[in-house]
Amino acid sequence: SVVKTMREEWGVELFKLDANYWGTLKGARYKKDCTGVAAYRLGMEAIAKGAGSAWLLGCNAPMWPSLGLVDAMRVSDDVERNPHRFSQIAQETFYRSWQHLALWHIDPDCVTLIDLESQKTSHNSYLFHRDVVLASGGLLLSGDPLAHWTPFAQQSFHRLVERQCQTPNSAEFNDLSLAQAELILDKQQTLYIGFNYNDANARTVTFDAQENKDWFDFWTGESVAMGVSTYQVQLSPGLNSCSVVAR
């Protein structure tokens, strides 16, 4: 098969399968009594057989019919470089982050940290987006042209890789407002992240470590508070976030 050739002869290790949903829609099929879900699973089983040990990533895929057939699953809409879409995919990813390492590896879509000619946004939007990827865990793939990476993009991606090496887990939110998330990085460090979303009012977020800790900005390593159990952040209206480490 084509997939087997790509795996065994071309050395492909990751198959990004897009628009999988169309495989479940009603239509004419060779097996006339086959349902959309059954037909989809038969097709995916054939792809998985040809792919062998390679990873399968389902995108725009029907989630429940894909159980057991993919290694990773896109859990959000496609990324676009604008505040509305960054806010939208953040919430979609966070509401589905419980699936990570339970059903499959989640894919929050690509990390985008620089402008394109056809797609541009504010620096603050990129700061928010990288905090979303920081919290989500899962697949870490760049959606930027690497030859045009800025120092900001390169340093940010490097820190995201370091985070993934510390723990593959997703951060856990304390309620459905998705305002505060917490992630144990290792025995000494806990990551705290606060979020404010598009069109939201200003918000105060208080991180509580339960005991006195030293607090540092995750991205810069700069000290922000010493020897205190809580750290409070004022998030401006609209797309905004903050990530700190207590240790």
C-alpha atoms as a PDB file:
ATOM      1  CA  SER A   1       0.000   0.000   0.000  1.00  0.00           C
ATOM      2  CA  VAL A   2       0.969   3.659  -0.269  1.00  0.00           C
ATOM      3  CA  VAL A   3       1.271   4.005   3.513  1.00  0.00           C
ATOM      4  CA  LYS A   4       3.461   0.903   3.798  1.00  0.00           C
ATOM      5  CA  THR A   5       5.757   2.220   1.064  1.00  0.00           C
ATOM      6  CA  MET A   6       6.040   5.593   2.796  1.00  0.00           C
ATOM      7  CA  ARG A   7       6.887   3.887   6.080  1.00  0.00           C
ATOM      8  CA  GLU A   8       9.268   1.151   4.925  1.00  0.00           C
ATOM      9  CA  GLU A   9      10.938   2.740   1.892  1.00  0.00           C
ATOM     10  CA  TRP A  10      10.752   6.460   2.652  1.00  0.00           C
ATOM     11  CA  GLY A  11      11.215   6.219   6.421  1.00  0.00           C
ATOM     12  CA  VAL A  12       8.162   8.295   7.367  1.00  0.00           C
ATOM     13  CA  GLU A  13       7.679   8.173  11.153  1.00  0.00           C
ATOM     14  CA  LEU A  14       4.615  10.420  11.584  1.00  0.00           C
ATOM     15  CA  PHE A  15       1.501  10.390   9.425  1.00  0.00           C
ATOM     16  CA  LYS A  16      -0.688  13.472   9.876  1.00  0.00           C
ATOM     17  CA  LEU A  17      -4.089  12.337   8.649  1.00  0.00           C
ATOM     18  CA  ASP A  18      -6.310  15.352   7.996  1.00  0.00           C
ATOM     19  CA  ALA A  19     -10.055  15.703   7.349  1.00  0.00           C
ATOM     20  CA  ASN A  20     -10.655  12.183   8.679  1.00  0.00           C
ATOM     21  CA  TYR A  21     -14.227  13.129   9.486  1.00  0.00           C
ATOM     22  CA  TRP A  22     -15.221  12.778   5.842  1.00  0.00           C
ATOM     23  CA  GLY A  23     -14.577   9.063   6.051  1.00  0.00           C
ATOM     24  CA  THR A  24     -17.626   8.617   8.295  1.00  0.00           C
ATOM     25  CA  LEU A  25     -20.141  10.508   6.142  1.00  0.00           C
ATOM     26  CA  LYS A  26     -22.983   8.807   4.308  1.00  0.00           C
ATOM     27  CA  GLY A  27     -22.246   7.791   0.744  1.00  0.00           C
ATOM     28  CA  ALA A  28     -21.821   4.918  -1.699  1.00  0.00           C
ATOM     29  CA  ARG A  29     -19.532   2.152  -0.405  1.00  0.00           C
ATOM     30  CA  TYR A  30     -18.339  -1.196  -1.703  1.00  0.00           C
ATOM     31  CA  LYS A  31     -19.929  -2.883   1.313  1.00  0.00           C
ATOM     32  CA  LYS A  32     -23.474  -1.583   1.047  1.00  0.00           C
ATOM     33  CA  ASP A  33     -24.478  -2.574   4.601  1.00  0.00           C
ATOM     34  CA  CYS A  34     -21.428  -0.913   6.179  1.00  0.00           C
ATOM     35  CA  THR A  35     -22.113   2.090   8.411  1.00  0.00           C
ATOM     36  CA  GLY A  36     -20.030   5.242   8.217  1.00  0.00           C
ATOM     37  CA  VAL A  37     -18.298   4.479  11.504  1.00  0.00           C
ATOM     38  CA  ALA A  38     -17.578   0.869  10.533  1.00  0.00           C
ATOM     39  CA  ALA A  39     -16.213   1.947   7.148  1.00  0.00           C
ATOM     40  CA  TYR A  40     -14.033   4.589   8.784  1.00  0.00           C
ATOM     41  CA  ARG A  41     -12.581   2.100  11.242  1.00  0.00           C
ATOM     42  CA  LEU A  42     -11.849  -0.406   8.466  1.00  0.00           C
ATOM     43  CA  GLY A  43      -9.993   2.278   6.530  1.00  0.00           C
ATOM     44  CA  MET A  44      -8.042   3.413   9.582  1.00  0.00           C
ATOM     45  CA  GLU A  45      -7.129  -0.174  10.453  1.00  0.00           C
ATOM     46  CA  ALA A  46      -5.658  -0.581   6.962  1.00  0.00           C
ATOM     47  CA  ILE A  47      -3.645   2.632   7.344  1.00  0.00           C
ATOM     48  CA  ALA A  48      -2.426   1.565  10.800  1.00  0.00           C
ATOM     49  CA  LYS A  49      -1.333  -1.807   9.423  1.00  0.00           C
ATOM     50  CA  GLY A  50       0.661  -0.151   6.656  1.00  0.00           C
ATOM     51  CA  ALA A  51       2.165   2.438   9.021  1.00  0.00           C
ATOM     52  CA  GLY A  52       3.536  -0.216  11.361  1.00  0.00           C
ATOM     53  CA  SER A  53       5.432   1.437  14.220  1.00  0.00           C
ATOM     54  CA  ALA A  54       5.004   4.959  12.812  1.00  0.00           C
ATOM     55  CA  TRP A  55       2.777   7.420  14.645  1.00  0.00           C
ATOM     56  CA  LEU A  56      -0.707   8.252  13.404  1.00  0.00           C
ATOM     57  CA  LEU A  57      -2.082  11.725  14.139  1.00  0.00           C
ATOM     58  CA  GLY A  58      -5.786  12.241  13.526  1.00  0.00           C
ATOM     59  CA  CYS A  59      -6.842  15.776  12.580  1.00  0.00           C
ATOM     60  CA  ASN A  60     -10.421  16.941  12.051  1.00  0.00           C
ATOM     61  CA  ALA A  61     -11.193  13.366  12.986  1.00  0.00           C
ATOM     62  CA  PRO A  62     -14.273  11.813  14.623  1.00  0.00           C
ATOM     63  CA  MET A  63     -12.986  11.220  18.135  1.00  0.00           C
ATOM     64  CA  TRP A  64     -14.933   8.238  19.434  1.00  0.00           C
ATOM     65  CA  PRO A  65     -14.764   6.263  16.148  1.00  0.00           C
ATOM     66  CA  SER A  66     -10.980   6.800  16.250  1.00  0.00           C
ATOM     67  CA  LEU A  67     -10.429   5.173  19.644  1.00  0.00           C
ATOM     68  CA  GLY A  68      -7.597   2.657  19.492  1.00  0.00           C
ATOM     69  CA  LEU A  69      -6.642   3.619  15.944  1.00  0.00           C
ATOM     70  CA  VAL A  70      -4.481   6.736  16.355  1.00  0.00           C
ATOM     71  CA  ASP A  71      -1.559   7.626  18.590  1.00  0.00           C
ATOM     72  CA  ALA A  72      -2.423  11.317  18.765  1.00  0.00           C
ATOM     73  CA  MET A  73      -5.519  13.430  18.189  1.00  0.00           C
ATOM     74  CA  ARG A  74      -5.971  17.088  17.311  1.00  0.00           C
ATOM     75  CA  VAL A  75      -8.327  18.473  19.935  1.00  0.00           C
ATOM     76  CA  SER A  76      -8.818  21.993  18.594  1.00  0.00           C
ATOM     77  CA  ASP A  77      -9.583  23.966  15.467  1.00  0.00           C
ATOM     78  CA  ASP A  78      -6.746  24.967  13.138  1.00  0.00           C
ATOM     79  CA  VAL A  79      -4.376  27.573  14.522  1.00  0.00           C
ATOM     80  CA  GLU A  80      -4.499  31.070  13.030  1.00  0.00           C
ATOM     81  CA  ARG A  81      -2.469  34.078  14.042  1.00  0.00           C
ATOM     82  CA  ASN A  82      -5.254  36.200  15.547  1.00  0.00           C
ATOM     83  CA  PRO A  83      -6.556  36.776  19.101  1.00  0.00           C
ATOM     84  CA  HIS A  84      -9.987  35.240  18.511  1.00  0.00           C
ATOM     85  CA  ARG A  85      -8.598  31.950  17.202  1.00  0.00           C
ATOM     86  CA  PHE A  86      -5.860  31.752  19.851  1.00  0.00           C
ATOM     87  CA  SER A  87      -8.540  32.173  22.532  1.00  0.00           C
ATOM     88  CA  GLN A  88     -10.872  29.663  20.872  1.00  0.00           C
ATOM     89  CA  ILE A  89      -8.338  26.863  20.456  1.00  0.00           C
ATOM     90  CA  ALA A  90      -6.998  27.419  23.966  1.00  0.00           C
ATOM     91  CA  GLN A  91     -10.388  26.675  25.495  1.00  0.00           C
ATOM     92  CA  GLU A  92     -11.048  23.758  23.144  1.00  0.00           C
ATOM     93  CA  THR A  93      -7.694  22.228  24.071  1.00  0.00           C
ATOM     94  CA  PHE A  94      -8.102  22.749  27.806  1.00  0.00           C
ATOM     95  CA  TYR A  95     -11.618  21.282  27.931  1.00  0.00           C
ATOM     96  CA  ARG A  96     -10.294  18.160  26.199  1.00  0.00           C
ATOM     97  CA  SER A  97      -6.951  17.886  27.981  1.00  0.00           C
ATOM     98  CA  TRP A  98      -8.329  15.073  30.186  1.00  0.00           C
ATOM     99  CA  GLN A  99      -7.900  12.855  27.110  1.00  0.00           C
ATOM    100  CA  HIS A 100      -4.102  13.295  27.154  1.00  0.00           C
ATOM    101  CA  LEU A 101      -2.279  10.029  27.914  1.00  0.00           C
ATOM    102  CA  ALA A 102      -5.652   8.423  28.710  1.00  0.00           C
ATOM    103  CA  LEU A 103      -6.994   8.007  25.160  1.00  0.00           C
ATOM    104  CA  TRP A 104      -4.049   9.283  23.118  1.00  0.00           C
ATOM    105  CA  HIS A 105      -1.558  12.131  23.041  1.00  0.00           C
ATOM    106  CA  ILE A 106      -3.425  15.372  22.463  1.00  0.00           C
ATOM    107  CA  ASP A 107      -2.367  17.771  19.719  1.00  0.00           C
ATOM    108  CA  PRO A 108      -3.094  21.468  20.427  1.00  0.00           C
ATOM    109  CA  ASP A 109      -2.013  22.243  16.841  1.00  0.00           C
ATOM    110  CA  CYS A 110       1.203  23.945  15.869  1.00  0.00           C
ATOM    111  CA  VAL A 111       3.128  26.502  17.871  1.00  0.00           C
ATOM    112  CA  THR A 112       3.092  29.763  15.893  1.00  0.00           C
ATOM    113  CA  LEU A 113       5.296  32.553  17.232  1.00  0.00           C
ATOM    114  CA  ILE A 114       6.104  34.776  14.234  1.00  0.00           C
ATOM    115  CA  ASP A 115       4.070  36.716  11.679  1.00  0.00           C
ATOM    116  CA  LEU A 116       3.507  35.665   8.091  1.00  0.00           C
ATOM    117  CA  GLU A 117       2.783  38.054   5.243  1.00  0.00           C
ATOM    118  CA  SER A 118      -0.804  36.816   5.154  1.00  0.00           C
ATOM    119  CA  GLN A 119      -1.272  36.362   8.934  1.00  0.00           C
ATOM    120  CA  LYS A 120      -0.181  38.794  11.605  1.00  0.00           C
ATOM    121  CA  THR A 121      -1.052  39.486  15.222  1.00  0.00           C
ATOM    122  CA  SER A 122       0.261  41.269  18.306  1.00  0.00           C
ATOM    123  CA  HIS A 123       3.232  40.163  20.378  1.00  0.00           C
ATOM    124  CA  ASN A 124       0.895  39.822  23.370  1.00  0.00           C
ATOM    125  CA  SER A 125      -1.156  37.259  21.426  1.00  0.00           C
ATOM    126  CA  TYR A 126       1.969  35.167  20.878  1.00  0.00           C
ATOM    127  CA  LEU A 127       2.775  35.375  24.596  1.00  0.00           C
ATOM    128  CA  PHE A 128      -0.684  33.986  25.341  1.00  0.00           C
ATOM    129  CA  HIS A 129      -0.391  31.260  22.707  1.00  0.00           C
ATOM    130  CA  ARG A 130       2.928  29.949  24.006  1.00  0.00           C
ATOM    131  CA  ASP A 131       1.452  29.761  27.537  1.00  0.00           C
ATOM    132  CA  VAL A 132      -1.420  27.696  26.109  1.00  0.00           C
ATOM    133  CA  VAL A 133       1.037  25.225  24.570  1.00  0.00           C
ATOM    134  CA  LEU A 134       3.021  25.269  27.809  1.00  0.00           C
ATOM    135  CA  ALA A 135      -0.070  24.217  29.757  1.00  0.00           C
ATOM    136  CA  SER A 136      -1.452  21.693  27.291  1.00  0.00           C
ATOM    137  CA  GLY A 137       1.481  19.343  26.811  1.00  0.00           C
ATOM    138  CA  GLY A 138       0.978  16.776  24.071  1.00  0.00           C
ATOM    139  CA  LEU A 139       2.491  17.094  20.610  1.00  0.00           C
ATOM    140  CA  LEU A 140       4.941  19.951  20.128  1.00  0.00           C
ATOM    141  CA  LEU A 141       5.257  20.930  16.474  1.00  0.00           C
ATOM    142  CA  SER A 142       6.308  24.274  15.020  1.00  0.00           C
ATOM    143  CA  GLY A 143       4.036  25.922  12.461  1.00  0.00           C
ATOM    144  CA  ASP A 144       6.529  28.671  11.614  1.00  0.00           C
ATOM    145  CA  PRO A 145       9.083  28.783   8.782  1.00  0.00           C
ATOM    146  CA  LEU A 146      12.176  27.880  10.806  1.00  0.00           C
ATOM    147  CA  ALA A 147      14.513  29.886   8.575  1.00  0.00           C
ATOM    148  CA  HIS A 148      12.679  33.019   9.722  1.00  0.00           C
ATOM    149  CA  TRP A 149      12.574  32.240  13.441  1.00  0.00           C
ATOM    150  CA  THR A 150      13.208  35.268  15.634  1.00  0.00           C
ATOM    151  CA  PRO A 151      15.211  35.013  18.878  1.00  0.00           C
ATOM    152  CA  PHE A 152      11.867  35.176  20.720  1.00  0.00           C
ATOM    153  CA  ALA A 153      10.480  32.220  18.749  1.00  0.00           C
ATOM    154  CA  GLN A 154      13.641  30.150  19.094  1.00  0.00           C
ATOM    155  CA  GLN A 155      14.029  30.759  22.831  1.00  0.00           C
ATOM    156  CA  SER A 156      10.333  30.122  23.474  1.00  0.00           C
ATOM    157  CA  PHE A 157      10.342  26.836  21.577  1.00  0.00           C
ATOM    158  CA  HIS A 158      13.506  25.738  23.386  1.00  0.00           C
ATOM    159  CA  ARG A 159      11.793  26.349  26.745  1.00  0.00           C
ATOM    160  CA  LEU A 160       8.753  24.374  25.593  1.00  0.00           C
ATOM    161  CA  VAL A 161      11.014  21.442  24.713  1.00  0.00           C
ATOM    162  CA  GLU A 162      12.599  21.642  28.166  1.00  0.00           C
ATOM    163  CA  ARG A 163       9.141  21.576  29.757  1.00  0.00           C
ATOM    164  CA  GLN A 164       8.210  18.475  27.757  1.00  0.00           C
ATOM    165  CA  CYS A 165      11.392  16.780  28.942  1.00  0.00           C
ATOM    166  CA  GLN A 166      10.442  17.479  32.557  1.00  0.00           C
ATOM    167  CA  THR A 167       6.929  16.030  32.277  1.00  0.00           C
ATOM    168  CA  PRO A 168       4.629  14.933  29.442  1.00  0.00           C
ATOM    169  CA  ASN A 169       1.488  15.722  31.467  1.00  0.00           C
ATOM    170  CA  SER A 170      -1.080  18.442  30.874  1.00  0.00           C
ATOM    171  CA  ALA A 171      -1.621  21.137  33.477  1.00  0.00           C
ATOM    172  CA  GLU A 172      -4.756  20.728  35.606  1.00  0.00           C
ATOM    173  CA  PHE A 173      -7.303  23.535  35.991  1.00  0.00           C
ATOM    174  CA  ASN A 174      -9.066  24.169  39.282  1.00  0.00           C
ATOM    175  CA  ASP A 175     -12.468  24.881  37.676  1.00  0.00           C
ATOM    176  CA  LEU A 176     -14.248  25.271  34.342  1.00  0.00           C
ATOM    177  CA  SER A 177     -13.458  28.971  34.097  1.00  0.00           C
ATOM    178  CA  LEU A 178     -10.016  27.832  32.880  1.00  0.00           C
ATOM    179  CA  ALA A 179      -8.448  30.763  34.716  1.00  0.00           C
ATOM    180  CA  GLN A 180      -5.790  28.893  36.693  1.00  0.00           C
ATOM    181  CA  ALA A 181      -3.745  25.802  35.931  1.00  0.00           C
ATOM    182  CA  GLU A 182      -1.115  23.909  37.879  1.00  0.00           C
ATOM    183  CA  LEU A 183       1.506  21.381  36.792  1.00  0.00           C
ATOM    184  CA  ILE A 184       4.144  19.556  38.825  1.00  0.00           C
ATOM    185  CA  LEU A 185       7.350  19.777  36.786  1.00  0.00           C
ATOM    186  CA  ASP A 186       9.500  17.750  39.180  1.00  0.00           C
ATOM    187  CA  LYS A 187       9.917  17.147  42.909  1.00  0.00           C
ATOM    188  CA  GLN A 188      11.158  20.681  43.484  1.00  0.00           C
ATOM    189  CA  GLN A 189       9.166  22.770  40.989  1.00  0.00           C
ATOM    190  CA  THR A 190       5.497  23.451  40.311  1.00  0.00           C
ATOM    191  CA  LEU A 191       4.289  25.513  37.367  1.00  0.00           C
ATOM    192  CA  TYR A 192       1.335  27.897  37.804  1.00  0.00           C
ATOM    193  CA  ILE A 193      -0.365  29.538  34.824  1.00  0.00           C
ATOM    194  CA  GLY A 194      -3.142  32.143  34.736  1.00  0.00           C
ATOM    195  CA  PHE A 195      -5.284  32.896  31.687  1.00  0.00           C
ATOM    196  CA  ASN A 196      -7.646  35.610  30.537  1.00  0.00           C
ATOM    197  CA  TYR A 197      -9.506  35.099  27.282  1.00  0.00           C
ATOM    198  CA  ASN A 198     -10.585  37.232  24.348  1.00  0.00           C
ATOM    199  CA  ASP A 199     -13.283  39.820  25.238  1.00  0.00           C
ATOM    200  CA  ALA A 200     -12.937  39.015  28.974  1.00  0.00           C
ATOM    201  CA  ASN A 201     -12.705  41.646  31.711  1.00  0.00           C
ATOM    202  CA  ALA A 202      -9.609  42.183  33.846  1.00  0.00           C
ATOM    203  CA  ARG A 203      -9.013  39.390  36.311  1.00  0.00           C
ATOM    204  CA  THR A 204      -6.969  38.826  39.475  1.00  0.00           C
ATOM    205  CA  VAL A 205      -5.379  35.406  39.798  1.00  0.00           C
ATOM    206  CA  THR A 206      -3.873  34.131  43.048  1.00  0.00           C
ATOM    207  CA  PHE A 207      -1.557  31.128  42.964  1.00  0.00           C
ATOM    208  CA  ASP A 208      -1.306  29.223  46.254  1.00  0.00           C
ATOM    209  CA  ALA A 209       1.600  26.855  46.918  1.00  0.00           C
ATOM    210  CA  GLN A 210       0.347  26.018  50.448  1.00  0.00           C
ATOM    211  CA  GLU A 211       3.805  26.749  51.880  1.00  0.00           C
ATOM    212  CA  ASN A 212       6.484  29.394  51.498  1.00  0.00           C
ATOM    213  CA  LYS A 213       8.256  29.206  48.157  1.00  0.00           C
ATOM    214  CA  ASP A 214      10.462  31.269  45.879  1.00  0.00           C
ATOM    215  CA  TRP A 215       8.638  32.345  42.702  1.00  0.00           C
ATOM    216  CA  PHE A 216      10.173  32.821  39.244  1.00  0.00           C
ATOM    217  CA  ASP A 217       8.948  33.804  35.790  1.00  0.00           C
ATOM    218  CA  PHE A 218       8.907  30.572  33.773  1.00  0.00           C
ATOM    219  CA  TRP A 219      10.190  32.089  30.533  1.00  0.00           C
ATOM    220  CA  THR A 220      12.924  34.399  31.802  1.00  0.00           C
ATOM    221  CA  GLY A 221      13.870  32.803  35.117  1.00  0.00           C
ATOM    222  CA  GLU A 222      13.535  36.226  36.748  1.00  0.00           C
ATOM    223  CA  SER A 223      12.652  36.217  40.453  1.00  0.00           C
ATOM    224  CA  VAL A 224       9.179  37.679  41.113  1.00  0.00           C
ATOM    225  CA  ALA A 225       8.680  36.871  44.827  1.00  0.00           C
ATOM    226  CA  MET A 226      10.679  35.212  47.596  1.00  0.00           C
ATOM    227  CA  GLY A 227       9.659  33.170  50.623  1.00  0.00           C
ATOM    228  CA  VAL A 228       5.870  33.499  50.288  1.00  0.00           C
ATOM    229  CA  SER A 229       3.106  30.912  49.912  1.00  0.00           C
ATOM    230  CA  THR A 230       0.975  32.876  47.434  1.00  0.00           C
ATOM    231  CA  TYR A 231       1.630  34.964  44.352  1.00  0.00           C
ATOM    232  CA  GLN A 232      -0.976  37.299  42.871  1.00  0.00           C
ATOM    233  CA  VAL A 233      -1.190  38.417  39.244  1.00  0.00           C
ATOM    234  CA  GLN A 234      -3.350  41.112  37.642  1.00  0.00           C
ATOM    235  CA  LEU A 235      -4.383  40.041  34.138  1.00  0.00           C
ATOM    236  CA  SER A 236      -5.441  42.845  31.808  1.00  0.00           C
ATOM    237  CA  PRO A 237      -8.718  42.685  29.825  1.00  0.00           C
ATOM    238  CA  GLY A 238      -8.686  40.451  26.765  1.00  0.00           C
ATOM    239  CA  LEU A 239      -6.059  37.917  25.786  1.00  0.00           C
ATOM    240  CA  ASN A 240      -3.562  37.721  28.629  1.00  0.00           C
ATOM    241  CA  SER A 241      -1.617  35.135  30.597  1.00  0.00           C
ATOM    242  CA  CYS A 242       1.135  34.630  33.139  1.00  0.00           C
ATOM    243  CA  SER A 243       3.312  31.610  33.964  1.00  0.00           C
ATOM    244  CA  VAL A 244       5.439  31.293  37.096  1.00  0.00           C
ATOM    245  CA  VAL A 245       7.346  28.508  38.807  1.00  0.00           C
ATOM    246  CA  ALA A 246       7.370  27.972  42.579  1.00  0.00           C
ATOM    247  CA  ARG A 247      10.291  26.133  44.105  1.00  0.00           C
END
